[in-house]
Amino acid sequence: RTLGDAVRARSWYREFREIVLMCVVYNIKRAVK
């Protein structure tokens, strides 16, 4: 594997994790209401 693929995979994982966190926060806010 090249270094570029590793960096791309790491950034993709970070973006995916942020999207999941936003969904979780959104669901919690909706559940509180």
N, C-alpha and C. Protein backbone atom coordinates (compact mmCIF):
# COMPACT_ATOMS: atom_id res chain seq x y z
N ARG A 1 0.84 -1.21 0.00
CA ARG A 1 0.00 0.00 0.00
C ARG A 1 0.87 1.25 0.00
N THR A 2 0.40 2.25 -0.67
CA THR A 2 1.15 3.51 -0.71
C THR A 2 0.71 4.40 0.45
N LEU A 3 1.51 5.38 0.74
CA LEU A 3 1.17 6.29 1.84
C LEU A 3 -0.10 7.07 1.54
N GLY A 4 -0.31 7.40 0.26
CA GLY A 4 -1.50 8.16 -0.11
C GLY A 4 -2.77 7.40 0.21
N ASP A 5 -2.79 6.08 -0.06
CA ASP A 5 -3.99 5.29 0.24
C ASP A 5 -4.26 5.27 1.74
N ALA A 6 -3.21 5.16 2.55
CA ALA A 6 -3.39 5.12 4.00
C ALA A 6 -3.98 6.44 4.49
N VAL A 7 -3.45 7.55 3.97
CA VAL A 7 -3.95 8.86 4.40
C VAL A 7 -5.40 9.04 3.98
N ARG A 8 -5.71 8.61 2.74
CA ARG A 8 -7.08 8.76 2.25
C ARG A 8 -8.04 7.93 3.10
N ALA A 9 -7.64 6.70 3.44
CA ALA A 9 -8.50 5.84 4.23
C ALA A 9 -8.71 6.45 5.61
N ARG A 10 -7.63 7.01 6.18
CA ARG A 10 -7.75 7.59 7.52
C ARG A 10 -8.69 8.79 7.51
N SER A 11 -8.57 9.66 6.48
CA SER A 11 -9.44 10.83 6.41
C SER A 11 -10.88 10.39 6.16
N TRP A 12 -11.07 9.35 5.33
CA TRP A 12 -12.43 8.86 5.07
C TRP A 12 -13.05 8.35 6.37
N TYR A 13 -12.25 7.63 7.16
CA TYR A 13 -12.76 7.10 8.43
C TYR A 13 -13.13 8.25 9.36
N ARG A 14 -12.32 9.30 9.36
CA ARG A 14 -12.61 10.44 10.24
C ARG A 14 -13.90 11.12 9.81
N GLU A 15 -14.08 11.32 8.49
CA GLU A 15 -15.32 11.94 8.00
C GLU A 15 -16.52 11.08 8.35
N PHE A 16 -16.39 9.75 8.15
CA PHE A 16 -17.50 8.84 8.44
C PHE A 16 -17.86 8.91 9.92
N ARG A 17 -16.83 8.96 10.79
CA ARG A 17 -17.09 9.00 12.23
C ARG A 17 -17.78 10.30 12.60
N GLU A 18 -17.39 11.42 11.97
CA GLU A 18 -18.04 12.69 12.28
C GLU A 18 -19.50 12.67 11.85
N ILE A 19 -19.80 12.06 10.69
CA ILE A 19 -21.18 11.97 10.22
C ILE A 19 -22.01 11.14 11.20
N VAL A 20 -21.43 10.02 11.67
CA VAL A 20 -22.15 9.18 12.63
C VAL A 20 -22.41 9.96 13.92
N LEU A 21 -21.43 10.71 14.37
CA LEU A 21 -21.61 11.49 15.61
C LEU A 21 -22.71 12.54 15.41
N MET A 22 -22.76 13.18 14.26
CA MET A 22 -23.81 14.18 14.02
C MET A 22 -25.18 13.52 14.05
N CYS A 23 -25.30 12.32 13.46
CA CYS A 23 -26.58 11.61 13.47
C CYS A 23 -26.97 11.26 14.90
N VAL A 24 -26.01 10.82 15.70
CA VAL A 24 -26.32 10.45 17.09
C VAL A 24 -26.79 11.67 17.86
N VAL A 25 -26.10 12.79 17.71
CA VAL A 25 -26.48 14.02 18.43
C VAL A 25 -27.87 14.46 17.98
N TYR A 26 -28.15 14.38 16.67
CA TYR A 26 -29.45 14.79 16.15
C TYR A 26 -30.56 13.92 16.73
N ASN A 27 -30.32 12.60 16.81
CA ASN A 27 -31.33 11.69 17.36
C ASN A 27 -31.55 11.96 18.84
N ILE A 28 -30.48 12.26 19.57
CA ILE A 28 -30.62 12.56 21.01
C ILE A 28 -31.44 13.83 21.20
N LYS A 29 -31.13 14.86 20.41
CA LYS A 29 -31.89 16.11 20.54
C LYS A 29 -33.38 15.88 20.23
N ARG A 30 -33.65 15.06 19.20
CA ARG A 30 -35.04 14.79 18.82
C ARG A 30 -35.73 13.96 19.91
N ALA A 31 -34.99 13.06 20.55
CA ALA A 31 -35.59 12.22 21.58
C ALA A 31 -35.89 13.05 22.83
N VAL A 32 -35.06 14.05 23.10
CA VAL A 32 -35.27 14.89 24.29
C VAL A 32 -36.56 15.69 24.14
N LYS A 33 -36.84 16.16 22.93
CA LYS A 33 -38.03 16.99 22.73
C LYS A 33 -39.31 16.22 22.89
